[in-house]
Amino acid sequence: MFDKIQNKWKEEREKEQLTPMNEAFYGAMRDFLKVRTVRTKEEINPLIKKILEERLHRLKYVINDLLKLRTSKIIQIVMSKQEVNVNLAREEQNFYERMKQVYDIYRKDVFSPKDVAYTDLSLPSVTSEDTDLDDEIDFVAVRFIQSTKE
Protein backbone atom coordinates (compact mmCIF):
# COMPACT_ATOMS: atom_id res chain seq x y z
CA MET A 1 0.00 0.00 0.00
CA PHE A 2 2.90 2.36 0.69
CA ASP A 3 3.95 2.04 -2.96
CA LYS A 4 0.41 2.92 -4.11
CA ILE A 5 0.34 5.99 -1.88
CA GLN A 6 3.79 7.10 -2.97
CA ASN A 7 3.04 6.51 -6.67
CA LYS A 8 -0.17 8.51 -6.38
CA TRP A 9 1.75 11.30 -4.65
CA LYS A 10 4.39 11.35 -7.40
CA GLU A 11 1.74 11.33 -10.12
CA GLU A 12 -0.10 14.22 -8.46
CA ARG A 13 3.10 16.24 -8.15
CA GLU A 14 4.04 15.69 -11.80
CA LYS A 15 0.70 16.62 -13.34
CA GLU A 16 -0.86 20.04 -13.31
CA GLN A 17 -4.41 18.70 -13.57
CA LEU A 18 -6.21 16.66 -10.93
CA THR A 19 -5.65 12.95 -11.54
CA PRO A 20 -8.28 10.22 -11.13
CA MET A 21 -8.57 8.70 -7.67
CA ASN A 22 -10.08 5.37 -6.66
CA GLU A 23 -13.25 5.93 -4.65
CA ALA A 24 -11.99 3.81 -1.73
CA PHE A 25 -8.38 5.08 -1.75
CA TYR A 26 -8.54 7.10 1.47
CA GLY A 27 -10.28 4.31 3.39
CA ALA A 28 -7.54 1.86 2.45
CA MET A 29 -4.92 4.51 3.22
CA ARG A 30 -6.39 5.12 6.70
CA ASP A 31 -6.41 1.40 7.42
CA PHE A 32 -2.79 1.08 6.30
CA LEU A 33 -1.74 4.09 8.38
CA LYS A 34 -3.48 2.66 11.44
CA VAL A 35 -1.76 -0.72 11.06
CA ARG A 36 1.64 0.94 10.61
CA THR A 37 1.08 3.19 13.64
CA VAL A 38 0.05 0.28 15.88
CA ARG A 39 2.96 -1.84 14.64
CA THR A 40 5.40 0.99 15.39
CA LYS A 41 4.03 1.58 18.90
CA GLU A 42 4.08 -2.12 19.77
CA GLU A 43 7.64 -2.77 18.57
CA ILE A 44 9.97 -3.70 21.43
CA ASN A 45 13.33 -3.74 19.66
CA PRO A 46 14.64 -0.12 19.78
CA LEU A 47 16.51 -0.36 16.48
CA ILE A 48 13.52 -1.73 14.57
CA LYS A 49 11.24 0.74 16.37
CA LYS A 50 13.44 3.64 15.20
CA ILE A 51 13.28 2.39 11.59
CA LEU A 52 9.51 1.96 11.80
CA GLU A 53 9.13 5.47 13.25
CA GLU A 54 11.14 6.91 10.35
CA ARG A 55 9.00 5.04 7.82
CA LEU A 56 5.84 6.18 9.58
CA HIS A 57 7.09 9.76 9.54
CA ARG A 58 7.78 9.51 5.79
CA LEU A 59 4.37 7.95 5.18
CA LYS A 60 2.63 10.77 7.05
CA TYR A 61 4.62 13.36 5.10
CA VAL A 62 3.63 11.79 1.76
CA ILE A 63 -0.04 11.55 2.80
CA ASN A 64 -0.17 15.16 4.02
CA ASP A 65 1.50 16.46 0.88
CA LEU A 66 -0.83 14.40 -1.32
CA LEU A 67 -3.82 15.88 0.51
CA LYS A 68 -2.46 19.41 0.10
CA LEU A 69 -1.85 18.92 -3.61
CA ARG A 70 -5.28 17.48 -4.31
CA THR A 71 -7.06 19.97 -2.06
CA SER A 72 -5.36 22.84 -3.85
CA LYS A 73 -6.35 21.47 -7.25
CA ILE A 74 -9.96 20.93 -6.17
CA ILE A 75 -10.17 24.48 -4.83
CA GLN A 76 -8.77 25.80 -8.13
CA ILE A 77 -11.47 23.89 -10.00
CA VAL A 78 -14.17 25.34 -7.74
CA MET A 79 -12.85 28.88 -8.11
CA SER A 80 -12.69 28.61 -11.89
CA LYS A 81 -16.31 27.38 -11.93
CA GLN A 82 -15.32 24.18 -13.74
CA GLU A 83 -16.72 20.74 -13.19
CA VAL A 84 -14.53 17.86 -12.06
CA ASN A 85 -14.02 15.53 -15.01
CA VAL A 86 -12.10 12.75 -13.21
CA ASN A 87 -13.07 10.20 -10.58
CA LEU A 88 -12.65 11.40 -7.01
CA ALA A 89 -12.48 9.55 -3.74
CA ARG A 90 -15.70 9.74 -1.70
CA GLU A 91 -14.17 12.23 0.73
CA GLU A 92 -12.96 14.42 -2.12
CA GLN A 93 -16.34 14.36 -3.84
CA ASN A 94 -17.98 15.54 -0.60
CA PHE A 95 -15.30 18.21 -0.20
CA TYR A 96 -15.79 19.37 -3.80
CA GLU A 97 -19.57 19.64 -3.43
CA ARG A 98 -19.31 21.52 -0.13
CA MET A 99 -16.63 23.86 -1.46
CA LYS A 100 -18.84 24.71 -4.45
CA GLN A 101 -21.66 25.62 -2.08
CA VAL A 102 -19.41 27.63 0.24
CA TYR A 103 -17.79 29.46 -2.67
CA ASP A 104 -21.19 30.32 -4.18
CA ILE A 105 -22.42 31.63 -0.82
CA TYR A 106 -19.20 33.60 -0.37
CA ARG A 107 -19.51 35.20 -3.82
CA LYS A 108 -23.17 36.07 -3.23
CA ASP A 109 -22.25 37.56 0.14
CA VAL A 110 -19.45 39.66 -1.37
CA PHE A 111 -21.56 40.92 -4.24
CA SER A 112 -24.85 41.34 -2.40
CA PRO A 113 -25.98 44.92 -1.92
CA LYS A 114 -25.84 44.93 1.89
CA ASP A 115 -25.05 48.63 1.90
CA VAL A 116 -28.20 49.51 -0.05
CA ALA A 117 -30.86 51.13 2.12
CA TYR A 118 -33.76 49.37 0.42
CA THR A 119 -33.00 46.56 -1.96
CA ASP A 120 -36.35 45.21 -3.11
CA LEU A 121 -37.20 47.50 -5.99
CA SER A 122 -39.93 45.22 -7.27
CA LEU A 123 -42.48 46.44 -4.69
CA PRO A 124 -45.21 48.67 -6.01
CA SER A 125 -45.18 52.28 -4.98
CA VAL A 126 -47.14 53.19 -1.84
CA THR A 127 -49.92 55.74 -1.84
CA SER A 128 -51.06 57.76 1.10
CA GLU A 129 -54.69 57.32 2.13
CA ASP A 130 -55.12 61.04 2.75
CA THR A 131 -53.87 62.23 -0.63
CA ASP A 132 -54.74 61.77 -4.24
CA LEU A 133 -53.33 58.99 -6.37
CA ASP A 134 -50.93 61.52 -7.89
CA ASP A 135 -48.94 61.67 -4.62
CA GLU A 136 -47.31 58.24 -4.91
CA ILE A 137 -44.18 57.47 -2.93
CA ASP A 138 -41.56 55.58 -4.91
CA PHE A 139 -38.87 53.55 -3.23
CA VAL A 140 -35.36 54.28 -4.37
CA ALA A 141 -32.23 52.28 -3.63
CA VAL A 142 -29.61 54.37 -1.85
CA ARG A 143 -25.98 53.42 -1.45
CA PHE A 144 -23.78 55.25 1.01
CA ILE A 145 -20.25 55.60 -0.28
CA GLN A 146 -18.88 57.02 2.96
CA SER A 147 -19.77 56.06 6.48
CA THR A 148 -22.67 58.10 7.86
CA LYS A 149 -21.55 57.60 11.45
CA GLU A 150 -19.15 60.12 12.88
C-alpha atoms as a PDB file:
ATOM      1  CA  MET A   1       0.000   0.000   0.000  1.00  0.00           C
ATOM      2  CA  PHE A   2       2.902   2.364   0.686  1.00  0.00           C
ATOM      3  CA  ASP A   3       3.952   2.043  -2.957  1.00  0.00           C
ATOM      4  CA  LYS A   4       0.409   2.917  -4.112  1.00  0.00           C
ATOM      5  CA  ILE A   5       0.339   5.994  -1.884  1.00  0.00           C
ATOM      6  CA  GLN A   6       3.793   7.101  -2.974  1.00  0.00           C
ATOM      7  CA  ASN A   7       3.037   6.511  -6.674  1.00  0.00           C
ATOM      8  CA  LYS A   8      -0.174   8.512  -6.379  1.00  0.00           C
ATOM      9  CA  TRP A   9       1.746  11.302  -4.645  1.00  0.00           C
ATOM     10  CA  LYS A  10       4.394  11.353  -7.400  1.00  0.00           C
ATOM     11  CA  GLU A  11       1.735  11.333 -10.115  1.00  0.00           C
ATOM     12  CA  GLU A  12      -0.104  14.216  -8.460  1.00  0.00           C
ATOM     13  CA  ARG A  13       3.102  16.238  -8.154  1.00  0.00           C
ATOM     14  CA  GLU A  14       4.042  15.687 -11.799  1.00  0.00           C
ATOM     15  CA  LYS A  15       0.700  16.624 -13.343  1.00  0.00           C
ATOM     16  CA  GLU A  16      -0.863  20.039 -13.306  1.00  0.00           C
ATOM     17  CA  GLN A  17      -4.410  18.699 -13.574  1.00  0.00           C
ATOM     18  CA  LEU A  18      -6.209  16.657 -10.934  1.00  0.00           C
ATOM     19  CA  THR A  19      -5.648  12.950 -11.538  1.00  0.00           C
ATOM     20  CA  PRO A  20      -8.285  10.219 -11.128  1.00  0.00           C
ATOM     21  CA  MET A  21      -8.571   8.701  -7.667  1.00  0.00           C
ATOM     22  CA  ASN A  22     -10.077   5.373  -6.659  1.00  0.00           C
ATOM     23  CA  GLU A  23     -13.251   5.926  -4.645  1.00  0.00           C
ATOM     24  CA  ALA A  24     -11.995   3.814  -1.725  1.00  0.00           C
ATOM     25  CA  PHE A  25      -8.383   5.082  -1.749  1.00  0.00           C
ATOM     26  CA  TYR A  26      -8.540   7.096   1.469  1.00  0.00           C
ATOM     27  CA  GLY A  27     -10.281   4.313   3.386  1.00  0.00           C
ATOM     28  CA  ALA A  28      -7.536   1.863   2.454  1.00  0.00           C
ATOM     29  CA  MET A  29      -4.922   4.511   3.220  1.00  0.00           C
ATOM     30  CA  ARG A  30      -6.389   5.121   6.697  1.00  0.00           C
ATOM     31  CA  ASP A  31      -6.412   1.399   7.423  1.00  0.00           C
ATOM     32  CA  PHE A  32      -2.794   1.081   6.300  1.00  0.00           C
ATOM     33  CA  LEU A  33      -1.743   4.088   8.379  1.00  0.00           C
ATOM     34  CA  LYS A  34      -3.480   2.661  11.445  1.00  0.00           C
ATOM     35  CA  VAL A  35      -1.762  -0.722  11.058  1.00  0.00           C
ATOM     36  CA  ARG A  36       1.644   0.941  10.613  1.00  0.00           C
ATOM     37  CA  THR A  37       1.075   3.188  13.640  1.00  0.00           C
ATOM     38  CA  VAL A  38       0.049   0.282  15.885  1.00  0.00           C
ATOM     39  CA  ARG A  39       2.959  -1.839  14.645  1.00  0.00           C
ATOM     40  CA  THR A  40       5.397   0.988  15.392  1.00  0.00           C
ATOM     41  CA  LYS A  41       4.028   1.577  18.896  1.00  0.00           C
ATOM     42  CA  GLU A  42       4.077  -2.117  19.773  1.00  0.00           C
ATOM     43  CA  GLU A  43       7.641  -2.771  18.568  1.00  0.00           C
ATOM     44  CA  ILE A  44       9.970  -3.696  21.431  1.00  0.00           C
ATOM     45  CA  ASN A  45      13.327  -3.740  19.658  1.00  0.00           C
ATOM     46  CA  PRO A  46      14.642  -0.124  19.783  1.00  0.00           C
ATOM     47  CA  LEU A  47      16.508  -0.361  16.483  1.00  0.00           C
ATOM     48  CA  ILE A  48      13.518  -1.729  14.573  1.00  0.00           C
ATOM     49  CA  LYS A  49      11.240   0.744  16.373  1.00  0.00           C
ATOM     50  CA  LYS A  50      13.438   3.636  15.196  1.00  0.00           C
ATOM     51  CA  ILE A  51      13.284   2.387  11.594  1.00  0.00           C
ATOM     52  CA  LEU A  52       9.505   1.961  11.796  1.00  0.00           C
ATOM     53  CA  GLU A  53       9.132   5.466  13.247  1.00  0.00           C
ATOM     54  CA  GLU A  54      11.137   6.912  10.348  1.00  0.00           C
ATOM     55  CA  ARG A  55       8.999   5.035   7.822  1.00  0.00           C
ATOM     56  CA  LEU A  56       5.844   6.176   9.576  1.00  0.00           C
ATOM     57  CA  HIS A  57       7.087   9.757   9.543  1.00  0.00           C
ATOM     58  CA  ARG A  58       7.776   9.514   5.789  1.00  0.00           C
ATOM     59  CA  LEU A  59       4.370   7.948   5.183  1.00  0.00           C
ATOM     60  CA  LYS A  60       2.626  10.772   7.054  1.00  0.00           C
ATOM     61  CA  TYR A  61       4.615  13.359   5.102  1.00  0.00           C
ATOM     62  CA  VAL A  62       3.627  11.793   1.764  1.00  0.00           C
ATOM     63  CA  ILE A  63      -0.038  11.546   2.804  1.00  0.00           C
ATOM     64  CA  ASN A  64      -0.172  15.156   4.019  1.00  0.00           C
ATOM     65  CA  ASP A  65       1.496  16.456   0.876  1.00  0.00           C
ATOM     66  CA  LEU A  66      -0.829  14.396  -1.322  1.00  0.00           C
ATOM     67  CA  LEU A  67      -3.818  15.877   0.512  1.00  0.00           C
ATOM     68  CA  LYS A  68      -2.455  19.414   0.101  1.00  0.00           C
ATOM     69  CA  LEU A  69      -1.850  18.921  -3.614  1.00  0.00           C
ATOM     70  CA  ARG A  70      -5.277  17.475  -4.310  1.00  0.00           C
ATOM     71  CA  THR A  71      -7.057  19.967  -2.062  1.00  0.00           C
ATOM     72  CA  SER A  72      -5.361  22.838  -3.846  1.00  0.00           C
ATOM     73  CA  LYS A  73      -6.355  21.469  -7.250  1.00  0.00           C
ATOM     74  CA  ILE A  74      -9.961  20.929  -6.174  1.00  0.00           C
ATOM     75  CA  ILE A  75     -10.170  24.484  -4.833  1.00  0.00           C
ATOM     76  CA  GLN A  76      -8.773  25.804  -8.132  1.00  0.00           C
ATOM     77  CA  ILE A  77     -11.468  23.886 -10.005  1.00  0.00           C
ATOM     78  CA  VAL A  78     -14.166  25.336  -7.742  1.00  0.00           C
ATOM     79  CA  MET A  79     -12.850  28.885  -8.105  1.00  0.00           C
ATOM     80  CA  SER A  80     -12.693  28.609 -11.890  1.00  0.00           C
ATOM     81  CA  LYS A  81     -16.307  27.378 -11.929  1.00  0.00           C
ATOM     82  CA  GLN A  82     -15.322  24.182 -13.740  1.00  0.00           C
ATOM     83  CA  GLU A  83     -16.721  20.736 -13.186  1.00  0.00           C
ATOM     84  CA  VAL A  84     -14.528  17.860 -12.060  1.00  0.00           C
ATOM     85  CA  ASN A  85     -14.023  15.530 -15.012  1.00  0.00           C
ATOM     86  CA  VAL A  86     -12.104  12.750 -13.212  1.00  0.00           C
ATOM     87  CA  ASN A  87     -13.066  10.201 -10.582  1.00  0.00           C
ATOM     88  CA  LEU A  88     -12.645  11.398  -7.011  1.00  0.00           C
ATOM     89  CA  ALA A  89     -12.484   9.547  -3.735  1.00  0.00           C
ATOM     90  CA  ARG A  90     -15.699   9.741  -1.698  1.00  0.00           C
ATOM     91  CA  GLU A  91     -14.167  12.225   0.734  1.00  0.00           C
ATOM     92  CA  GLU A  92     -12.961  14.422  -2.121  1.00  0.00           C
ATOM     93  CA  GLN A  93     -16.344  14.356  -3.842  1.00  0.00           C
ATOM     94  CA  ASN A  94     -17.976  15.538  -0.601  1.00  0.00           C
ATOM     95  CA  PHE A  95     -15.301  18.209  -0.199  1.00  0.00           C
ATOM     96  CA  TYR A  96     -15.792  19.369  -3.797  1.00  0.00           C
ATOM     97  CA  GLU A  97     -19.575  19.640  -3.430  1.00  0.00           C
ATOM     98  CA  ARG A  98     -19.310  21.524  -0.129  1.00  0.00           C
ATOM     99  CA  MET A  99     -16.629  23.858  -1.464  1.00  0.00           C
ATOM    100  CA  LYS A 100     -18.836  24.712  -4.446  1.00  0.00           C
ATOM    101  CA  GLN A 101     -21.655  25.620  -2.075  1.00  0.00           C
ATOM    102  CA  VAL A 102     -19.410  27.630   0.243  1.00  0.00           C
ATOM    103  CA  TYR A 103     -17.792  29.462  -2.672  1.00  0.00           C
ATOM    104  CA  ASP A 104     -21.185  30.322  -4.181  1.00  0.00           C
ATOM    105  CA  ILE A 105     -22.416  31.633  -0.820  1.00  0.00           C
ATOM    106  CA  TYR A 106     -19.199  33.604  -0.373  1.00  0.00           C
ATOM    107  CA  ARG A 107     -19.514  35.201  -3.825  1.00  0.00           C
ATOM    108  CA  LYS A 108     -23.169  36.067  -3.225  1.00  0.00           C
ATOM    109  CA  ASP A 109     -22.250  37.561   0.137  1.00  0.00           C
ATOM    110  CA  VAL A 110     -19.454  39.660  -1.367  1.00  0.00           C
ATOM    111  CA  PHE A 111     -21.561  40.920  -4.240  1.00  0.00           C
ATOM    112  CA  SER A 112     -24.849  41.342  -2.396  1.00  0.00           C
ATOM    113  CA  PRO A 113     -25.984  44.922  -1.919  1.00  0.00           C
ATOM    114  CA  LYS A 114     -25.838  44.933   1.886  1.00  0.00           C
ATOM    115  CA  ASP A 115     -25.054  48.629   1.903  1.00  0.00           C
ATOM    116  CA  VAL A 116     -28.197  49.510  -0.048  1.00  0.00           C
ATOM    117  CA  ALA A 117     -30.860  51.129   2.122  1.00  0.00           C
ATOM    118  CA  TYR A 118     -33.759  49.375   0.419  1.00  0.00           C
ATOM    119  CA  THR A 119     -33.001  46.565  -1.964  1.00  0.00           C
ATOM    120  CA  ASP A 120     -36.354  45.214  -3.106  1.00  0.00           C
ATOM    121  CA  LEU A 121     -37.198  47.498  -5.992  1.00  0.00           C
ATOM    122  CA  SER A 122     -39.925  45.219  -7.266  1.00  0.00           C
ATOM    123  CA  LEU A 123     -42.477  46.436  -4.688  1.00  0.00           C
ATOM    124  CA  PRO A 124     -45.214  48.670  -6.012  1.00  0.00           C
ATOM    125  CA  SER A 125     -45.183  52.282  -4.979  1.00  0.00           C
ATOM    126  CA  VAL A 126     -47.139  53.188  -1.841  1.00  0.00           C
ATOM    127  CA  THR A 127     -49.918  55.743  -1.842  1.00  0.00           C
ATOM    128  CA  SER A 128     -51.064  57.762   1.097  1.00  0.00           C
ATOM    129  CA  GLU A 129     -54.688  57.321   2.132  1.00  0.00           C
ATOM    130  CA  ASP A 130     -55.124  61.043   2.748  1.00  0.00           C
ATOM    131  CA  THR A 131     -53.871  62.226  -0.625  1.00  0.00           C
ATOM    132  CA  ASP A 132     -54.742  61.767  -4.236  1.00  0.00           C
ATOM    133  CA  LEU A 133     -53.325  58.988  -6.368  1.00  0.00           C
ATOM    134  CA  ASP A 134     -50.934  61.524  -7.887  1.00  0.00           C
ATOM    135  CA  ASP A 135     -48.943  61.670  -4.625  1.00  0.00           C
ATOM    136  CA  GLU A 136     -47.309  58.245  -4.909  1.00  0.00           C
ATOM    137  CA  ILE A 137     -44.180  57.466  -2.928  1.00  0.00           C
ATOM    138  CA  ASP A 138     -41.558  55.581  -4.915  1.00  0.00           C
ATOM    139  CA  PHE A 139     -38.872  53.547  -3.226  1.00  0.00           C
ATOM    140  CA  VAL A 140     -35.360  54.282  -4.368  1.00  0.00           C
ATOM    141  CA  ALA A 141     -32.225  52.281  -3.625  1.00  0.00           C
ATOM    142  CA  VAL A 142     -29.613  54.375  -1.854  1.00  0.00           C
ATOM    143  CA  ARG A 143     -25.980  53.421  -1.450  1.00  0.00           C
ATOM    144  CA  PHE A 144     -23.785  55.251   1.011  1.00  0.00           C
ATOM    145  CA  ILE A 145     -20.245  55.604  -0.280  1.00  0.00           C
ATOM    146  CA  GLN A 146     -18.876  57.018   2.955  1.00  0.00           C
ATOM    147  CA  SER A 147     -19.771  56.056   6.475  1.00  0.00           C
ATOM    148  CA  THR A 148     -22.669  58.101   7.856  1.00  0.00           C
ATOM    149  CA  LYS A 149     -21.545  57.600  11.447  1.00  0.00           C
ATOM    150  CA  GLU A 150     -19.148  60.121  12.881  1.00  0.00           C
END
